[in-house]
Amino acid sequence: MKIFAITLCLIGCLLFYFSHRHQNLFKQTLSKRYSYVGICFIVISLLVLFLSVPKLVAVYMWLMTMLVAWTFIPFVVLFKKNIPDEKANSTRNSA
């Protein structure tokens, strides 16, 4: 149950992040509907955590999952490779 709740929270965080207009991982943001679905997933994951672990531990796990997700998602863009720009930079410097 704990793994299910953490996974649900991560999916909710991803959906909520990808539906925000300032995300820069995708060229287009998801529709506003996915934002509400993400919030529902996050709330359901808190409820599932309340049922499976003590209340204080549930809140801690829930907050830490959101903190880790929303901290590291923006840095995924740094690892995303854009091959056409790299080729353009390498040919420009070789002359």
Protein backbone atom coordinates (compact mmCIF):
# COMPACT_ATOMS: atom_id res chain seq x y z
CA MET A 1 0.00 0.00 0.00
CA LYS A 2 2.87 2.38 0.77
CA ILE A 3 4.50 1.83 -2.61
CA PHE A 4 1.14 2.37 -4.32
CA ALA A 5 0.60 5.63 -2.43
CA ILE A 6 4.09 6.94 -3.21
CA THR A 7 3.68 6.03 -6.88
CA LEU A 8 0.29 7.72 -6.98
CA CYS A 9 1.80 10.82 -5.40
CA LEU A 10 4.65 10.88 -7.93
CA ILE A 11 2.24 10.54 -10.85
CA GLY A 12 0.10 13.30 -9.38
CA CYS A 13 3.14 15.56 -8.99
CA LEU A 14 4.18 14.89 -12.58
CA LEU A 15 0.72 15.63 -13.94
CA PHE A 16 0.44 18.79 -11.88
CA TYR A 17 3.89 19.97 -12.96
CA PHE A 18 3.38 19.21 -16.65
CA SER A 19 0.11 21.12 -16.70
CA HIS A 20 1.76 24.29 -15.41
CA ARG A 21 2.59 26.97 -17.96
CA HIS A 22 6.15 27.49 -16.72
CA GLN A 23 7.29 23.90 -17.19
CA ASN A 24 9.98 23.58 -19.84
CA LEU A 25 10.30 19.84 -20.33
CA PHE A 26 7.65 19.66 -23.06
CA LYS A 27 6.96 22.20 -25.79
CA GLN A 28 3.27 22.32 -24.90
CA THR A 29 1.70 22.12 -21.48
CA LEU A 30 -0.98 19.61 -20.63
CA SER A 31 -4.54 20.84 -20.39
CA LYS A 32 -5.93 22.22 -17.13
CA ARG A 33 -7.90 18.99 -16.64
CA TYR A 34 -4.67 17.10 -15.93
CA SER A 35 -3.87 19.58 -13.20
CA TYR A 36 -7.06 18.61 -11.38
CA VAL A 37 -6.37 14.91 -11.94
CA GLY A 38 -2.89 15.39 -10.49
CA ILE A 39 -4.27 17.13 -7.40
CA CYS A 40 -6.78 14.31 -6.94
CA PHE A 41 -3.98 11.73 -7.17
CA ILE A 42 -1.95 13.64 -4.58
CA VAL A 43 -4.88 13.82 -2.16
CA ILE A 44 -5.78 10.15 -2.67
CA SER A 45 -2.17 9.19 -2.00
CA LEU A 46 -2.31 11.05 1.33
CA LEU A 47 -5.47 9.18 2.26
CA VAL A 48 -3.90 5.82 1.35
CA LEU A 49 -0.83 6.71 3.40
CA PHE A 50 -3.07 7.57 6.36
CA LEU A 51 -4.54 4.08 6.17
CA SER A 52 -1.23 2.25 5.90
CA VAL A 53 1.17 4.06 8.27
CA PRO A 54 0.88 6.30 11.36
CA LYS A 55 -0.43 9.81 10.69
CA LEU A 56 2.81 11.71 11.28
CA VAL A 57 4.81 9.29 9.14
CA ALA A 58 2.16 9.55 6.41
CA VAL A 59 2.39 13.33 6.29
CA TYR A 60 6.19 13.19 6.31
CA MET A 61 6.35 10.63 3.47
CA TRP A 62 3.78 12.58 1.47
CA LEU A 63 5.58 15.92 1.85
CA MET A 64 9.01 14.43 1.14
CA THR A 65 7.72 12.72 -2.00
CA MET A 66 6.36 16.00 -3.33
CA LEU A 67 9.53 17.86 -2.34
CA VAL A 68 11.78 15.38 -4.13
CA ALA A 69 9.56 15.25 -7.22
CA TRP A 70 9.20 19.00 -7.63
CA THR A 71 12.88 19.57 -6.90
CA PHE A 72 14.28 17.17 -9.48
CA ILE A 73 11.74 17.41 -12.33
CA PRO A 74 13.04 20.81 -13.57
CA PHE A 75 16.59 19.43 -13.75
CA VAL A 76 15.57 16.70 -16.20
CA VAL A 77 15.71 19.38 -18.91
CA LEU A 78 19.45 19.68 -18.39
CA PHE A 79 19.92 16.02 -19.32
CA LYS A 80 17.65 16.18 -22.34
CA LYS A 81 19.77 16.28 -25.49
CA ASN A 82 18.95 18.44 -28.45
CA ILE A 83 20.99 16.93 -31.27
CA PRO A 84 20.44 19.57 -34.00
CA ASP A 85 21.72 22.38 -31.76
CA GLU A 86 24.79 20.36 -30.79
CA LYS A 87 25.65 19.71 -34.43
CA ALA A 88 25.25 23.38 -35.25
CA ASN A 89 27.56 24.36 -32.39
CA SER A 90 30.20 21.78 -33.31
CA THR A 91 30.33 22.80 -37.00
CA ARG A 92 30.48 26.46 -36.13
CA ASN A 93 33.51 26.00 -33.85
CA SER A 94 35.43 23.68 -36.20
CA ALA A 95 36.17 26.30 -38.84
